[in-house]
Amino acid sequence: MPAFVGAVQVVSVGSSGVFHIGDVFQIRPVSTAKTFAGAGSFITGEGISVYNENSVTYTIDDDTLDQGINFNL
């Protein structure tokens, strides 16, 4: 069934973002990223307190392959 969409204003879409309106059959990413972060790195808000006595971020990645995007082009 077709989708009916009203007025849309797009200010920006990131370089690896996906934007779609209405019906969609398949959305495929064209980039990947891996992020390592310590305790409390992505916390947002007011009055937040993070206590981490021994802050360690392990970045050892023993596997040779992660999820790829080979067939998404």
N, C-alpha and C. Protein backbone atom coordinates (compact mmCIF):
# COMPACT_ATOMS: atom_id res chain seq x y z
N MET A 1 0.84 -1.17 0.00
CA MET A 1 0.00 0.00 0.00
C MET A 1 0.89 1.25 0.00
N PRO A 2 0.68 2.19 -0.87
CA PRO A 2 1.49 3.39 -0.92
C PRO A 2 1.32 4.23 0.35
N ALA A 3 2.37 4.92 0.68
CA ALA A 3 2.34 5.79 1.85
C ALA A 3 2.11 7.23 1.41
N PHE A 4 1.31 7.94 2.17
CA PHE A 4 1.08 9.36 1.93
C PHE A 4 1.77 10.13 3.04
N VAL A 5 2.69 11.00 2.65
CA VAL A 5 3.50 11.74 3.62
C VAL A 5 3.29 13.22 3.38
N GLY A 6 3.15 13.96 4.47
CA GLY A 6 3.00 15.42 4.36
C GLY A 6 4.33 16.10 4.16
N ALA A 7 4.40 17.36 4.48
CA ALA A 7 5.61 18.15 4.30
C ALA A 7 6.71 17.65 5.22
N VAL A 8 7.92 17.59 4.71
CA VAL A 8 9.08 17.13 5.47
C VAL A 8 10.22 18.10 5.24
N GLN A 9 10.91 18.47 6.30
CA GLN A 9 12.09 19.32 6.19
C GLN A 9 13.27 18.56 6.76
N VAL A 10 14.30 18.31 5.95
CA VAL A 10 15.50 17.62 6.38
C VAL A 10 16.60 18.66 6.50
N VAL A 11 17.11 18.81 7.71
CA VAL A 11 18.18 19.78 7.93
C VAL A 11 19.52 19.18 7.55
N SER A 12 19.80 17.97 8.00
CA SER A 12 21.04 17.30 7.61
C SER A 12 20.91 15.80 7.86
N VAL A 13 21.68 15.05 7.11
CA VAL A 13 21.80 13.60 7.29
C VAL A 13 23.28 13.31 7.30
N GLY A 14 23.73 12.58 8.32
CA GLY A 14 25.15 12.27 8.44
C GLY A 14 25.67 11.45 7.27
N SER A 15 26.98 11.35 7.17
CA SER A 15 27.59 10.65 6.04
C SER A 15 27.26 9.17 6.04
N SER A 16 26.97 8.60 7.19
CA SER A 16 26.61 7.18 7.23
C SER A 16 25.16 6.98 7.65
N GLY A 17 24.36 8.03 7.57
CA GLY A 17 22.97 7.94 7.97
C GLY A 17 22.07 7.46 6.85
N VAL A 18 20.90 7.01 7.21
CA VAL A 18 19.90 6.56 6.24
C VAL A 18 18.63 7.34 6.50
N PHE A 19 18.06 7.91 5.45
CA PHE A 19 16.82 8.68 5.56
C PHE A 19 15.84 8.15 4.54
N HIS A 20 14.68 7.77 4.99
CA HIS A 20 13.67 7.31 4.04
C HIS A 20 12.30 7.79 4.51
N ILE A 21 11.42 7.97 3.54
CA ILE A 21 10.04 8.36 3.82
C ILE A 21 9.15 7.42 3.04
N GLY A 22 8.13 6.92 3.71
CA GLY A 22 7.17 6.08 3.01
C GLY A 22 7.60 4.64 2.92
N ASP A 23 7.14 3.98 1.87
CA ASP A 23 7.41 2.56 1.70
C ASP A 23 8.88 2.34 1.38
N VAL A 24 9.41 1.26 1.91
CA VAL A 24 10.81 0.92 1.63
C VAL A 24 10.92 -0.60 1.56
N PHE A 25 11.67 -1.08 0.59
CA PHE A 25 11.87 -2.51 0.44
C PHE A 25 13.09 -2.97 1.21
N GLN A 26 14.20 -2.25 1.08
CA GLN A 26 15.44 -2.67 1.72
C GLN A 26 16.31 -1.45 1.98
N ILE A 27 16.86 -1.35 3.18
CA ILE A 27 17.80 -0.28 3.52
C ILE A 27 19.13 -0.94 3.83
N ARG A 28 20.18 -0.50 3.13
CA ARG A 28 21.48 -1.14 3.28
C ARG A 28 22.53 -0.12 3.69
N PRO A 29 23.30 -0.40 4.74
CA PRO A 29 24.38 0.52 5.12
C PRO A 29 25.53 0.45 4.13
N VAL A 30 26.25 1.54 3.99
CA VAL A 30 27.41 1.56 3.11
C VAL A 30 28.68 1.90 3.87
N SER A 31 28.62 1.89 5.20
CA SER A 31 29.82 2.09 6.00
C SER A 31 29.65 1.39 7.35
N THR A 32 30.78 1.10 7.99
CA THR A 32 30.76 0.48 9.30
C THR A 32 31.73 1.21 10.22
N ALA A 33 31.57 1.02 11.51
CA ALA A 33 32.46 1.64 12.49
C ALA A 33 32.49 0.79 13.75
N LYS A 34 33.58 0.87 14.48
CA LYS A 34 33.69 0.19 15.76
C LYS A 34 34.11 1.24 16.79
N THR A 35 33.40 1.30 17.89
CA THR A 35 33.65 2.32 18.89
C THR A 35 33.98 1.67 20.23
N PHE A 36 35.06 2.12 20.84
CA PHE A 36 35.43 1.69 22.18
C PHE A 36 35.29 2.89 23.10
N ALA A 37 34.67 2.71 24.25
CA ALA A 37 34.49 3.81 25.18
C ALA A 37 34.49 3.28 26.61
N GLY A 38 34.93 4.10 27.53
CA GLY A 38 34.99 3.71 28.93
C GLY A 38 33.69 3.97 29.66
N ALA A 39 33.73 3.79 30.96
CA ALA A 39 32.54 3.94 31.79
C ALA A 39 32.04 5.38 31.75
N GLY A 40 30.75 5.54 31.51
CA GLY A 40 30.14 6.86 31.52
C GLY A 40 30.41 7.70 30.28
N SER A 41 30.91 7.12 29.22
CA SER A 41 31.29 7.90 28.04
C SER A 41 30.10 8.47 27.29
N PHE A 42 29.03 7.73 27.16
CA PHE A 42 27.90 8.17 26.35
C PHE A 42 26.69 8.58 27.18
N ILE A 43 26.91 8.90 28.43
CA ILE A 43 25.81 9.31 29.31
C ILE A 43 25.51 10.78 29.07
N THR A 44 24.23 11.11 28.90
CA THR A 44 23.82 12.49 28.75
C THR A 44 22.74 12.81 29.77
N GLY A 45 22.65 14.05 30.13
CA GLY A 45 21.63 14.46 31.08
C GLY A 45 22.18 15.44 32.09
N GLU A 46 21.37 15.75 33.08
CA GLU A 46 21.76 16.71 34.10
C GLU A 46 22.01 16.00 35.42
N GLY A 47 23.04 16.45 36.15
CA GLY A 47 23.31 15.93 37.48
C GLY A 47 23.71 14.47 37.51
N ILE A 48 24.47 14.02 36.54
CA ILE A 48 24.87 12.62 36.49
C ILE A 48 26.21 12.46 37.18
N SER A 49 26.32 11.43 37.99
CA SER A 49 27.56 11.12 38.69
C SER A 49 27.95 9.70 38.37
N VAL A 50 29.16 9.51 37.85
CA VAL A 50 29.67 8.19 37.51
C VAL A 50 30.88 7.92 38.39
N TYR A 51 30.86 6.84 39.12
CA TYR A 51 31.99 6.45 39.96
C TYR A 51 32.51 5.11 39.46
N ASN A 52 33.73 5.11 38.96
CA ASN A 52 34.36 3.90 38.48
C ASN A 52 35.78 3.90 39.01
N GLU A 53 36.02 3.11 40.04
CA GLU A 53 37.31 3.14 40.72
C GLU A 53 38.47 2.78 39.79
N ASN A 54 38.34 1.69 39.06
CA ASN A 54 39.39 1.26 38.14
C ASN A 54 38.85 1.34 36.72
N SER A 55 39.03 2.47 36.09
CA SER A 55 38.49 2.66 34.75
C SER A 55 39.41 2.06 33.71
N VAL A 56 38.93 1.03 33.05
CA VAL A 56 39.69 0.35 32.01
C VAL A 56 38.76 0.07 30.84
N THR A 57 39.22 0.38 29.64
CA THR A 57 38.48 0.05 28.43
C THR A 57 39.32 -0.95 27.65
N TYR A 58 38.83 -2.17 27.53
CA TYR A 58 39.57 -3.19 26.82
C TYR A 58 39.28 -3.07 25.33
N THR A 59 40.33 -2.91 24.54
CA THR A 59 40.17 -2.77 23.10
C THR A 59 40.77 -3.94 22.34
N ILE A 60 40.96 -5.05 23.01
CA ILE A 60 41.49 -6.24 22.35
C ILE A 60 40.35 -6.90 21.57
N ASP A 61 40.58 -7.09 20.29
CA ASP A 61 39.58 -7.69 19.42
C ASP A 61 40.23 -8.85 18.69
N ASP A 62 40.10 -10.05 19.24
CA ASP A 62 40.81 -11.22 18.71
C ASP A 62 40.21 -11.79 17.43
N ASP A 63 38.95 -11.54 17.16
CA ASP A 63 38.38 -12.11 15.94
C ASP A 63 38.95 -11.40 14.72
N THR A 64 39.03 -12.11 13.63
CA THR A 64 39.62 -11.53 12.42
C THR A 64 38.60 -10.81 11.56
N LEU A 65 37.33 -11.19 11.68
CA LEU A 65 36.30 -10.59 10.84
C LEU A 65 35.15 -10.09 11.68
N ASP A 66 34.65 -8.93 11.33
CA ASP A 66 33.42 -8.41 11.90
C ASP A 66 32.36 -8.43 10.80
N GLN A 67 31.15 -8.00 11.14
CA GLN A 67 30.10 -7.99 10.12
C GLN A 67 30.49 -7.03 9.01
N GLY A 68 30.50 -7.52 7.82
CA GLY A 68 30.93 -6.71 6.67
C GLY A 68 29.78 -6.11 5.90
N ILE A 69 30.14 -5.31 4.91
CA ILE A 69 29.15 -4.69 4.03
C ILE A 69 29.42 -5.07 2.58
N ASN A 70 30.06 -6.22 2.38
CA ASN A 70 30.50 -6.63 1.05
C ASN A 70 29.37 -6.72 0.04
N PHE A 71 28.22 -7.21 0.44
CA PHE A 71 27.13 -7.43 -0.51
C PHE A 71 26.10 -6.30 -0.47
N ASN A 72 26.42 -5.17 0.15
CA ASN A 72 25.47 -4.08 0.28
C ASN A 72 25.70 -2.96 -0.73
N LEU A 73 26.44 -3.19 -1.74
CA LEU A 73 26.72 -2.13 -2.72
C LEU A 73 25.74 -2.13 -3.85
